[in-house]
């Protein structure tokens, strides 16, 4: 029973990740170009928190690592898109502080019992160490797309989803899908299979817009 609700949590998180892609995909198809809706980043933020929890409950360091890297980029993009513009200074500070502290508090709680955590995450018979390294490499590559996107957007003064973002997404998704297959994790397999389709389609839309 415990395993079922943990998988349910993971499916909910991946459902939100898929929903963000679906929203972005539909709006891009309507515009005949790659668009960047605010809802994409809202869903990303909520899903990231849930999937970090799933990784923790599932004793999967690779999944947890990927969420921490992208989490703060989601917050930055929401700020660039004016998510907090109607809030007072106090409200904005309170919300951003709370959001920023959530991963810190979670990681601090893990650090308080670090010996047990490392035994669970890195000396887990269910996940060979080489597979943890492989999965972590995939998550790092996958998450680098958001660092690339943030740098690209910052240089242009607005939140954008450039072609490089989708290319890195595609490469990272292939690695994570392979990791999910090796881990026999249906949550990861379903999510990345859907993601591959949207990444390829966004690259096609971007190329089409460049030749229009």
Protein backbone atom coordinates (compact mmCIF):
# COMPACT_ATOMS: atom_id res chain seq x y z
CA UNK A 1 0.00 0.00 0.00
CA UNK A 2 2.81 2.41 0.90
CA UNK A 3 4.45 1.86 -2.50
CA UNK A 4 1.15 2.56 -4.27
CA UNK A 5 0.65 5.99 -2.73
CA UNK A 6 4.29 6.90 -3.34
CA UNK A 7 3.85 6.02 -7.01
CA UNK A 8 0.58 7.99 -6.99
CA UNK A 9 2.49 11.02 -5.72
CA UNK A 10 5.07 10.58 -8.46
CA UNK A 11 2.36 10.25 -11.10
CA UNK A 12 0.69 13.41 -9.84
CA UNK A 13 3.97 15.33 -10.08
CA UNK A 14 4.68 13.98 -13.55
CA UNK A 15 1.08 14.71 -14.53
CA UNK A 16 1.71 18.36 -13.69
CA UNK A 17 5.01 18.30 -15.59
CA UNK A 18 3.16 16.83 -18.57
CA UNK A 19 0.37 19.39 -18.19
CA UNK A 20 2.90 22.23 -18.44
CA UNK A 21 4.23 20.75 -21.66
CA UNK A 22 0.72 20.26 -23.01
CA UNK A 23 -0.23 23.87 -22.25
CA UNK A 24 2.96 25.15 -23.87
CA UNK A 25 2.54 22.83 -26.86
CA UNK A 26 -1.11 23.78 -27.53
CA UNK A 27 -0.39 27.50 -27.30
CA UNK A 28 2.65 27.12 -29.54
CA UNK A 29 0.63 25.24 -32.16
CA UNK A 30 -1.98 28.00 -32.15
CA UNK A 31 0.69 30.67 -32.55
CA UNK A 32 2.71 28.60 -35.08
CA UNK A 33 5.83 29.36 -33.06
CA UNK A 34 7.36 28.47 -29.70
CA UNK A 35 5.65 30.43 -26.92
CA UNK A 36 6.40 30.70 -23.21
CA UNK A 37 3.23 30.90 -21.05
CA UNK A 38 3.39 31.84 -17.37
CA UNK A 39 1.35 28.75 -16.49
CA UNK A 40 4.28 26.62 -17.72
CA UNK A 41 6.44 27.92 -14.87
CA UNK A 42 3.68 27.78 -12.23
CA UNK A 43 3.05 24.10 -12.97
CA UNK A 44 6.81 23.48 -13.05
CA UNK A 45 7.25 24.91 -9.56
CA UNK A 46 4.44 22.88 -7.99
CA UNK A 47 5.45 19.69 -9.79
CA UNK A 48 9.09 20.15 -8.78
CA UNK A 49 8.19 20.22 -5.09
CA UNK A 50 6.04 17.10 -5.40
CA UNK A 51 8.63 15.21 -7.44
CA UNK A 52 11.40 16.08 -4.99
CA UNK A 53 9.23 14.49 -2.29
CA UNK A 54 8.67 11.47 -4.53
CA UNK A 55 12.42 11.07 -5.03
CA UNK A 56 12.97 11.25 -1.28
CA UNK A 57 10.26 8.68 -0.50
CA UNK A 58 11.52 6.51 -3.35
CA UNK A 59 15.13 6.68 -2.08
CA UNK A 60 16.25 8.09 -5.43
CA UNK A 61 19.04 10.68 -5.18
CA UNK A 62 19.16 11.25 -8.96
CA UNK A 63 15.53 12.41 -9.07
CA UNK A 64 15.98 14.68 -6.03
CA UNK A 65 19.10 16.29 -7.50
CA UNK A 66 17.33 17.17 -10.74
CA UNK A 67 14.52 18.98 -8.95
CA UNK A 68 16.77 21.12 -6.75
CA UNK A 69 18.70 22.40 -9.77
CA UNK A 70 15.61 23.50 -11.68
CA UNK A 71 13.52 24.76 -8.77
CA UNK A 72 15.13 28.18 -8.39
CA UNK A 73 15.11 28.78 -12.14
CA UNK A 74 11.33 28.35 -12.09
CA UNK A 75 11.06 31.05 -9.43
CA UNK A 76 13.35 33.36 -11.44
CA UNK A 77 11.28 32.91 -14.60
CA UNK A 78 8.05 33.67 -12.77
CA UNK A 79 9.64 36.89 -11.55
CA UNK A 80 10.74 37.85 -15.07
CA UNK A 81 7.21 37.24 -16.31
CA UNK A 82 5.73 39.60 -13.72
CA UNK A 83 4.17 36.99 -11.46
CA UNK A 84 4.73 39.11 -8.36
CA UNK A 85 4.19 42.58 -9.88
CA UNK A 86 0.78 43.18 -8.25
CA UNK A 87 1.95 42.12 -4.79
CA UNK A 88 3.16 44.56 -2.16
CA UNK A 89 6.84 44.57 -1.32
CA UNK A 90 6.13 42.73 1.93
CA UNK A 91 3.99 40.09 0.20
CA UNK A 92 6.57 39.58 -2.53
CA UNK A 93 9.40 39.22 -0.02
CA UNK A 94 7.41 36.80 2.13
CA UNK A 95 6.40 34.58 -0.80
CA UNK A 96 9.87 34.48 -2.35
CA UNK A 97 11.52 33.80 1.00
CA UNK A 98 9.12 30.95 1.75
CA UNK A 99 9.57 29.40 -1.69
CA UNK A 100 13.35 29.74 -1.52
CA UNK A 101 13.57 28.12 1.91
CA UNK A 102 11.55 24.97 1.13
CA UNK A 103 14.44 23.00 -0.48
CA UNK A 104 16.90 24.39 2.08
CA UNK A 105 14.76 23.16 4.98
CA UNK A 106 14.30 19.76 3.33
CA UNK A 107 18.03 19.33 2.71
CA UNK A 108 18.85 20.58 6.21
CA UNK A 109 16.56 17.95 7.68
CA UNK A 110 18.36 15.30 5.67
CA UNK A 111 21.76 16.65 6.75
CA UNK A 112 20.78 16.27 10.42
CA UNK A 113 20.74 12.52 9.88
CA UNK A 114 23.26 12.37 7.07
CA UNK A 115 24.71 8.94 7.88
CA UNK A 116 21.34 7.24 7.54
CA UNK A 117 20.50 9.28 4.45
CA UNK A 118 23.72 8.35 2.65
CA UNK A 119 23.18 4.68 3.49
CA UNK A 120 19.70 4.85 1.98
CA UNK A 121 20.54 6.89 -1.11
CA UNK A 122 24.06 5.73 -1.97
CA UNK A 123 24.32 2.26 -0.43
CA UNK A 124 20.96 1.05 -1.58
CA UNK A 125 20.98 -2.54 -2.89
CA UNK A 126 18.02 -1.68 -5.13
CA UNK A 127 20.07 0.97 -6.99
CA UNK A 128 23.67 0.09 -7.92
CA UNK A 129 26.10 2.97 -7.49
CA UNK A 130 26.89 3.12 -11.21
CA UNK A 131 23.17 3.56 -11.89
CA UNK A 132 22.97 6.41 -9.35
CA UNK A 133 25.87 8.10 -11.18
CA UNK A 134 24.24 7.52 -14.58
CA UNK A 135 20.87 8.83 -13.41
CA UNK A 136 22.47 11.84 -11.74
CA UNK A 137 24.37 12.66 -14.94
CA UNK A 138 21.10 12.54 -16.87
CA UNK A 139 19.35 14.77 -14.33
CA UNK A 140 22.22 17.26 -14.34
CA UNK A 141 22.17 17.48 -18.14
CA UNK A 142 18.38 17.74 -18.11
CA UNK A 143 18.49 20.50 -15.51
CA UNK A 144 21.21 22.43 -17.33
CA UNK A 145 18.54 23.33 -19.88
CA UNK A 146 17.04 25.65 -17.29
CA UNK A 147 20.38 27.26 -16.47
CA UNK A 148 20.92 27.74 -20.21
CA UNK A 149 17.40 29.16 -20.54
CA UNK A 150 17.92 31.53 -17.62
CA UNK A 151 21.23 32.88 -18.99
CA UNK A 152 19.77 33.21 -22.50
CA UNK A 153 16.69 35.01 -21.16
CA UNK A 154 18.66 37.27 -18.81
CA UNK A 155 20.79 38.52 -21.70
CA UNK A 156 17.63 39.46 -23.60
CA UNK A 157 15.72 40.87 -20.64
CA UNK A 158 12.72 38.52 -20.85
CA UNK A 159 11.78 34.90 -20.22
CA UNK A 160 12.18 32.87 -23.44
CA UNK A 161 12.34 29.21 -24.49
CA UNK A 162 15.11 29.08 -27.13
CA UNK A 163 16.01 26.20 -29.44
CA UNK A 164 18.96 25.22 -27.25
CA UNK A 165 16.55 24.63 -24.37
CA UNK A 166 14.65 22.02 -26.38
CA UNK A 167 17.82 20.40 -27.73
CA UNK A 168 19.22 19.94 -24.22
CA UNK A 169 15.81 18.72 -23.05
CA UNK A 170 15.82 16.07 -25.76
CA UNK A 171 19.32 14.81 -24.90
CA UNK A 172 18.58 14.77 -21.16
CA UNK A 173 15.25 13.04 -21.65
CA UNK A 174 16.90 10.18 -23.56
CA UNK A 175 19.30 9.58 -20.66
CA UNK A 176 16.59 9.82 -18.01
CA UNK A 177 14.27 7.54 -19.99
CA UNK A 178 17.10 4.98 -20.17
CA UNK A 179 17.59 5.40 -16.41
CA UNK A 180 13.86 4.92 -15.82
CA UNK A 181 13.86 1.73 -17.90
CA UNK A 182 16.86 0.36 -15.99
CA UNK A 183 15.16 1.29 -12.69
CA UNK A 184 11.84 -0.12 -13.94
CA UNK A 185 10.20 3.10 -12.77
CA UNK A 186 6.87 3.54 -14.61
CA UNK A 187 6.56 7.16 -13.45
CA UNK A 188 9.83 8.19 -15.10
CA UNK A 189 9.21 6.11 -18.23
CA UNK A 190 5.75 7.57 -18.87
CA UNK A 191 6.86 11.15 -18.24
CA UNK A 192 9.96 11.09 -20.42
CA UNK A 193 8.21 9.27 -23.26
CA UNK A 194 5.65 12.08 -23.45
CA UNK A 195 8.38 14.68 -23.06
CA UNK A 196 10.35 13.39 -26.05
CA UNK A 197 7.39 14.10 -28.33
CA UNK A 198 6.97 17.69 -27.13
CA UNK A 199 10.70 18.48 -27.29
CA UNK A 200 10.94 17.27 -30.87
CA UNK A 201 7.79 19.15 -31.85
CA UNK A 202 9.04 22.41 -30.30
CA UNK A 203 12.29 22.08 -32.23
CA UNK A 204 10.23 21.63 -35.40
CA UNK A 205 8.14 24.72 -34.59
CA UNK A 206 11.26 26.74 -33.85
CA UNK A 207 12.85 25.71 -37.15
CA UNK A 208 9.63 26.50 -39.02
CA UNK A 209 9.43 29.97 -37.45
CA UNK A 210 13.02 30.68 -38.51
CA UNK A 211 12.18 29.92 -42.15
CA UNK A 212 8.76 31.57 -42.20
